Amino acid sequence: MNQIFLITDIPGFTPQVSRLLSMMNYARFTTLEEVKDLTVQELDFLMDSNSNSIGALLMHFAAVEYAYQVGTFEKRELNEEEIAIWGVALSLGEEGREKIKGNELSYYTEQLEAVRHRTYELFRTVNDEWLYTEEEFWAQQQANYYFMWFHVFEDEINHRGQIRMIRKRMDK
């Protein structure tokens, strides 16, 4: 991430894939900057009984990215084993508040890094043309893989706003 402020070619990837990954990397960089040095207590903080914790949101980012890997590269839904691992983080809610807690920041960053590493490996297998592959998406709408992967980091950016709001509400 030494060229984090450049949307540019990345060796080993086609031009549009490189630009997509550049944007994903910047979104992740800003997320990690926002959460660096948070304690377990801060990662588990809930503003109210309906909110998500920062830790749960970090797991959500990893889960969404993993789900899009499976959907776009493997053309399938998550299986039972994968749902056992990622399902709570995908849906969050009450179960997320109960189960995603008590972890150090390193736990979440390792999950994020492992999933991103797999994303890189998968993107090495495709070219720019693949990004324009269209499939049925939300509510039977057509979308291409470019949009779907844009949504992966757009979702992270959206929830990072929640992280910033949660941090402002924490008792310091």
C-alpha atoms as a PDB file:
ATOM      1  CA  MET A   1       0.000   0.000   0.000  1.00  0.00           C
ATOM      2  CA  ASN A   2       2.888   2.346  -0.657  1.00  0.00           C
ATOM      3  CA  GLN A   3       0.913   4.048  -3.456  1.00  0.00           C
ATOM      4  CA  ILE A   4      -2.346   4.323  -1.521  1.00  0.00           C
ATOM      5  CA  PHE A   5      -3.325   7.671  -3.039  1.00  0.00           C
ATOM      6  CA  LEU A   6      -2.892   6.486  -6.626  1.00  0.00           C
ATOM      7  CA  ILE A   7      -5.612   4.784  -8.621  1.00  0.00           C
ATOM      8  CA  THR A   8      -3.270   3.146 -11.060  1.00  0.00           C
ATOM      9  CA  ASP A   9      -1.966  -0.068 -12.557  1.00  0.00           C
ATOM     10  CA  ILE A  10      -0.951  -2.808 -10.149  1.00  0.00           C
ATOM     11  CA  PRO A  11       1.588  -5.312 -11.492  1.00  0.00           C
ATOM     12  CA  GLY A  12      -0.023  -8.641 -12.332  1.00  0.00           C
ATOM     13  CA  PHE A  13      -3.510  -7.238 -12.913  1.00  0.00           C
ATOM     14  CA  THR A  14      -5.290  -5.825 -15.936  1.00  0.00           C
ATOM     15  CA  PRO A  15      -5.942  -2.040 -15.986  1.00  0.00           C
ATOM     16  CA  GLN A  16      -9.560  -1.969 -14.771  1.00  0.00           C
ATOM     17  CA  VAL A  17      -8.978  -4.706 -12.192  1.00  0.00           C
ATOM     18  CA  SER A  18      -5.995  -2.660 -10.973  1.00  0.00           C
ATOM     19  CA  ARG A  19      -8.119   0.446 -10.569  1.00  0.00           C
ATOM     20  CA  LEU A  20     -10.826  -1.478  -8.730  1.00  0.00           C
ATOM     21  CA  LEU A  21      -8.232  -2.951  -6.369  1.00  0.00           C
ATOM     22  CA  SER A  22      -6.658   0.504  -5.905  1.00  0.00           C
ATOM     23  CA  MET A  23     -10.009   1.860  -4.735  1.00  0.00           C
ATOM     24  CA  MET A  24     -10.609  -1.151  -2.489  1.00  0.00           C
ATOM     25  CA  ASN A  25      -7.149  -0.688  -0.984  1.00  0.00           C
ATOM     26  CA  TYR A  26      -7.759   2.978  -0.229  1.00  0.00           C
ATOM     27  CA  ALA A  27     -11.105   2.186   1.416  1.00  0.00           C
ATOM     28  CA  ARG A  28      -9.412  -0.466   3.562  1.00  0.00           C
ATOM     29  CA  PHE A  29      -6.506   1.835   4.419  1.00  0.00           C
ATOM     30  CA  THR A  30      -8.877   4.510   5.720  1.00  0.00           C
ATOM     31  CA  THR A  31     -10.868   1.917   7.674  1.00  0.00           C
ATOM     32  CA  LEU A  32      -7.738   0.593   9.356  1.00  0.00           C
ATOM     33  CA  GLU A  33      -6.601   4.128  10.163  1.00  0.00           C
ATOM     34  CA  GLU A  34      -9.969   4.749  11.825  1.00  0.00           C
ATOM     35  CA  VAL A  35      -9.717   1.707  14.117  1.00  0.00           C
ATOM     36  CA  LYS A  36      -5.997   1.549  14.878  1.00  0.00           C
ATOM     37  CA  ASP A  37      -5.204   1.208  18.574  1.00  0.00           C
ATOM     38  CA  LEU A  38      -8.798   0.463  19.634  1.00  0.00           C
ATOM     39  CA  THR A  39      -9.137  -1.722  22.715  1.00  0.00           C
ATOM     40  CA  VAL A  40     -11.385  -4.767  23.026  1.00  0.00           C
ATOM     41  CA  GLN A  41     -13.785  -2.644  25.073  1.00  0.00           C
ATOM     42  CA  GLU A  42     -13.908  -0.006  22.339  1.00  0.00           C
ATOM     43  CA  LEU A  43     -14.325  -2.626  19.600  1.00  0.00           C
ATOM     44  CA  ASP A  44     -17.257  -4.124  21.563  1.00  0.00           C
ATOM     45  CA  PHE A  45     -18.918  -0.785  22.454  1.00  0.00           C
ATOM     46  CA  LEU A  46     -22.636  -0.587  21.609  1.00  0.00           C
ATOM     47  CA  MET A  47     -24.341   2.790  21.380  1.00  0.00           C
ATOM     48  CA  ASP A  48     -27.707   1.180  22.159  1.00  0.00           C
ATOM     49  CA  SER A  49     -29.496  -2.158  22.052  1.00  0.00           C
ATOM     50  CA  ASN A  50     -29.958  -2.016  18.274  1.00  0.00           C
ATOM     51  CA  SER A  51     -26.516  -0.875  17.153  1.00  0.00           C
ATOM     52  CA  ASN A  52     -23.536  -2.765  15.815  1.00  0.00           C
ATOM     53  CA  SER A  53     -20.131  -2.729  17.423  1.00  0.00           C
ATOM     54  CA  ILE A  54     -17.017  -1.662  15.550  1.00  0.00           C
ATOM     55  CA  GLY A  55     -15.719  -5.231  15.810  1.00  0.00           C
ATOM     56  CA  ALA A  56     -18.912  -6.575  14.252  1.00  0.00           C
ATOM     57  CA  LEU A  57     -18.647  -4.070  11.418  1.00  0.00           C
ATOM     58  CA  LEU A  58     -15.058  -5.106  10.742  1.00  0.00           C
ATOM     59  CA  MET A  59     -16.166  -8.743  10.551  1.00  0.00           C
ATOM     60  CA  HIS A  60     -19.010  -7.652   8.283  1.00  0.00           C
ATOM     61  CA  PHE A  61     -16.483  -6.171   5.846  1.00  0.00           C
ATOM     62  CA  ALA A  62     -14.614  -9.478   5.684  1.00  0.00           C
ATOM     63  CA  ALA A  63     -17.842 -11.479   5.369  1.00  0.00           C
ATOM     64  CA  VAL A  64     -19.228  -9.334   2.551  1.00  0.00           C
ATOM     65  CA  GLU A  65     -15.974  -9.576   0.616  1.00  0.00           C
ATOM     66  CA  TYR A  66     -15.873 -13.353   1.103  1.00  0.00           C
ATOM     67  CA  ALA A  67     -19.498 -13.712  -0.007  1.00  0.00           C
ATOM     68  CA  TYR A  68     -18.770 -11.755  -3.191  1.00  0.00           C
ATOM     69  CA  GLN A  69     -15.743 -13.950  -3.865  1.00  0.00           C
ATOM     70  CA  VAL A  70     -17.992 -16.996  -3.715  1.00  0.00           C
ATOM     71  CA  GLY A  71     -20.790 -15.404  -5.709  1.00  0.00           C
ATOM     72  CA  THR A  72     -18.755 -13.911  -8.525  1.00  0.00           C
ATOM     73  CA  PHE A  73     -15.834 -16.293  -8.872  1.00  0.00           C
ATOM     74  CA  GLU A  74     -17.467 -19.574  -7.878  1.00  0.00           C
ATOM     75  CA  LYS A  75     -21.015 -18.669  -9.008  1.00  0.00           C
ATOM     76  CA  ARG A  76     -22.700 -20.119  -5.946  1.00  0.00           C
ATOM     77  CA  GLU A  77     -24.221 -19.236  -2.605  1.00  0.00           C
ATOM     78  CA  LEU A  78     -22.398 -19.777   0.676  1.00  0.00           C
ATOM     79  CA  ASN A  79     -22.576 -23.390   1.832  1.00  0.00           C
ATOM     80  CA  GLU A  80     -23.493 -24.483   5.378  1.00  0.00           C
ATOM     81  CA  GLU A  81     -19.872 -24.482   6.558  1.00  0.00           C
ATOM     82  CA  GLU A  82     -19.316 -20.964   5.201  1.00  0.00           C
ATOM     83  CA  ILE A  83     -22.581 -19.731   6.696  1.00  0.00           C
ATOM     84  CA  ALA A  84     -21.412 -21.079  10.069  1.00  0.00           C
ATOM     85  CA  ILE A  85     -18.266 -18.954   9.708  1.00  0.00           C
ATOM     86  CA  TRP A  86     -19.621 -15.798   8.033  1.00  0.00           C
ATOM     87  CA  GLY A  87     -23.398 -15.798   8.452  1.00  0.00           C
ATOM     88  CA  VAL A  88     -23.556 -13.854  11.710  1.00  0.00           C
ATOM     89  CA  ALA A  89     -21.202 -11.190  10.361  1.00  0.00           C
ATOM     90  CA  LEU A  90     -23.236 -10.880   7.169  1.00  0.00           C
ATOM     91  CA  SER A  91     -26.544 -10.347   8.936  1.00  0.00           C
ATOM     92  CA  LEU A  92     -25.314  -8.690  12.166  1.00  0.00           C
ATOM     93  CA  GLY A  93     -28.314  -7.784  14.339  1.00  0.00           C
ATOM     94  CA  GLU A  94     -28.962  -9.376  17.728  1.00  0.00           C
ATOM     95  CA  GLU A  95     -26.928 -12.475  16.975  1.00  0.00           C
ATOM     96  CA  GLY A  96     -24.016 -10.300  15.890  1.00  0.00           C
ATOM     97  CA  ARG A  97     -24.198  -8.335  19.129  1.00  0.00           C
ATOM     98  CA  GLU A  98     -24.130 -11.585  21.106  1.00  0.00           C
ATOM     99  CA  LYS A  99     -21.445 -13.472  19.190  1.00  0.00           C
ATOM    100  CA  ILE A 100     -19.021 -10.934  17.729  1.00  0.00           C
ATOM    101  CA  LYS A 101     -17.223  -9.577  20.755  1.00  0.00           C
ATOM    102  CA  GLY A 102     -14.248 -10.074  23.016  1.00  0.00           C
ATOM    103  CA  ASN A 103     -11.656  -9.991  20.250  1.00  0.00           C
ATOM    104  CA  GLU A 104      -8.486  -7.939  19.962  1.00  0.00           C
ATOM    105  CA  LEU A 105      -8.121  -5.669  16.936  1.00  0.00           C
ATOM    106  CA  SER A 106      -5.535  -8.096  15.525  1.00  0.00           C
ATOM    107  CA  TYR A 107      -8.249 -10.771  15.229  1.00  0.00           C
ATOM    108  CA  TYR A 108     -10.310  -8.559  12.951  1.00  0.00           C
ATOM    109  CA  THR A 109      -7.381  -7.262  10.923  1.00  0.00           C
ATOM    110  CA  GLU A 110      -6.141 -10.819  10.352  1.00  0.00           C
ATOM    111  CA  GLN A 111      -9.581 -11.816   9.040  1.00  0.00           C
ATOM    112  CA  LEU A 112      -9.673  -8.775   6.772  1.00  0.00           C
ATOM    113  CA  GLU A 113      -6.149  -9.470   5.505  1.00  0.00           C
ATOM    114  CA  ALA A 114      -6.821 -13.152   4.816  1.00  0.00           C
ATOM    115  CA  VAL A 115      -9.961 -12.401   2.838  1.00  0.00           C
ATOM    116  CA  ARG A 116      -8.259  -9.601   0.903  1.00  0.00           C
ATOM    117  CA  HIS A 117      -5.342 -11.900   0.091  1.00  0.00           C
ATOM    118  CA  ARG A 118      -7.816 -14.372  -1.406  1.00  0.00           C
ATOM    119  CA  THR A 119      -9.448 -11.531  -3.354  1.00  0.00           C
ATOM    120  CA  TYR A 120      -6.075 -10.686  -4.879  1.00  0.00           C
ATOM    121  CA  GLU A 121      -5.457 -14.307  -5.813  1.00  0.00           C
ATOM    122  CA  LEU A 122      -8.878 -14.575  -7.438  1.00  0.00           C
ATOM    123  CA  PHE A 123      -8.509 -11.299  -9.348  1.00  0.00           C
ATOM    124  CA  ARG A 124      -5.221 -12.581 -10.794  1.00  0.00           C
ATOM    125  CA  THR A 125      -7.304 -15.178 -12.670  1.00  0.00           C
ATOM    126  CA  VAL A 126      -9.541 -12.715 -14.552  1.00  0.00           C
ATOM    127  CA  ASN A 127      -9.244  -9.766 -16.901  1.00  0.00           C
ATOM    128  CA  ASP A 128     -11.109  -6.524 -17.506  1.00  0.00           C
ATOM    129  CA  GLU A 129     -13.686  -8.244 -19.719  1.00  0.00           C
ATOM    130  CA  TRP A 130     -14.721 -10.412 -16.732  1.00  0.00           C
ATOM    131  CA  LEU A 131     -15.694  -7.254 -14.801  1.00  0.00           C
ATOM    132  CA  TYR A 132     -18.428  -6.600 -17.364  1.00  0.00           C
ATOM    133  CA  THR A 133     -20.049 -10.023 -16.949  1.00  0.00           C
ATOM    134  CA  GLU A 134     -23.724  -9.427 -16.138  1.00  0.00           C
ATOM    135  CA  GLU A 135     -25.894 -11.435 -13.803  1.00  0.00           C
ATOM    136  CA  GLU A 136     -29.152 -11.079 -11.982  1.00  0.00           C
ATOM    137  CA  PHE A 137     -28.617  -9.137  -8.777  1.00  0.00           C
ATOM    138  CA  TRP A 138     -30.749  -7.548  -6.050  1.00  0.00           C
ATOM    139  CA  ALA A 139     -34.451  -7.990  -6.798  1.00  0.00           C
ATOM    140  CA  GLN A 140     -33.829  -9.445 -10.254  1.00  0.00           C
ATOM    141  CA  GLN A 141     -31.919  -6.393 -11.496  1.00  0.00           C
ATOM    142  CA  GLN A 142     -29.016  -6.848 -13.887  1.00  0.00           C
ATOM    143  CA  ALA A 143     -25.603  -5.904 -12.569  1.00  0.00           C
ATOM    144  CA  ASN A 144     -22.077  -6.589 -13.703  1.00  0.00           C
ATOM    145  CA  TYR A 145     -19.191  -7.835 -11.598  1.00  0.00           C
ATOM    146  CA  TYR A 146     -17.651  -4.382 -11.703  1.00  0.00           C
ATOM    147  CA  PHE A 147     -20.676  -2.989  -9.880  1.00  0.00           C
ATOM    148  CA  MET A 148     -20.795  -5.924  -7.470  1.00  0.00           C
ATOM    149  CA  TRP A 149     -17.168  -5.411  -6.474  1.00  0.00           C
ATOM    150  CA  PHE A 150     -17.705  -1.659  -6.299  1.00  0.00           C
ATOM    151  CA  HIS A 151     -20.447  -2.481  -3.792  1.00  0.00           C
ATOM    152  CA  VAL A 152     -17.973  -4.442  -1.651  1.00  0.00           C
ATOM    153  CA  PHE A 153     -15.952  -1.323  -0.868  1.00  0.00           C
ATOM    154  CA  GLU A 154     -18.943   1.032  -1.076  1.00  0.00           C
ATOM    155  CA  ASP A 155     -20.500  -1.008   1.755  1.00  0.00           C
ATOM    156  CA  GLU A 156     -17.267  -0.682   3.739  1.00  0.00           C
ATOM    157  CA  ILE A 157     -17.165   3.086   3.199  1.00  0.00           C
ATOM    158  CA  ASN A 158     -20.803   3.377   4.263  1.00  0.00           C
ATOM    159  CA  HIS A 159     -20.253   1.387   7.456  1.00  0.00           C
ATOM    160  CA  ARG A 160     -17.009   3.247   8.158  1.00  0.00           C
ATOM    161  CA  GLY A 161     -19.243   6.266   8.648  1.00  0.00           C
ATOM    162  CA  GLN A 162     -20.977   4.264  11.365  1.00  0.00           C
ATOM    163  CA  ILE A 163     -17.601   3.481  12.908  1.00  0.00           C
ATOM    164  CA  ARG A 164     -16.779   7.187  13.042  1.00  0.00           C
ATOM    165  CA  MET A 165     -20.120   7.929  14.668  1.00  0.00           C
ATOM    166  CA  ILE A 166     -19.647   5.132  17.225  1.00  0.00           C
ATOM    167  CA  ARG A 167     -16.207   6.448  18.113  1.00  0.00           C
ATOM    168  CA  LYS A 168     -17.663   9.904  18.752  1.00  0.00           C
ATOM    169  CA  ARG A 169     -20.271   8.396  21.078  1.00  0.00           C
ATOM    170  CA  MET A 170     -17.828   6.373  23.192  1.00  0.00           C
ATOM    171  CA  ASP A 171     -17.175   7.575  26.706  1.00  0.00           C
ATOM    172  CA  LYS A 172     -13.498   8.441  26.674  1.00  0.00           C
END
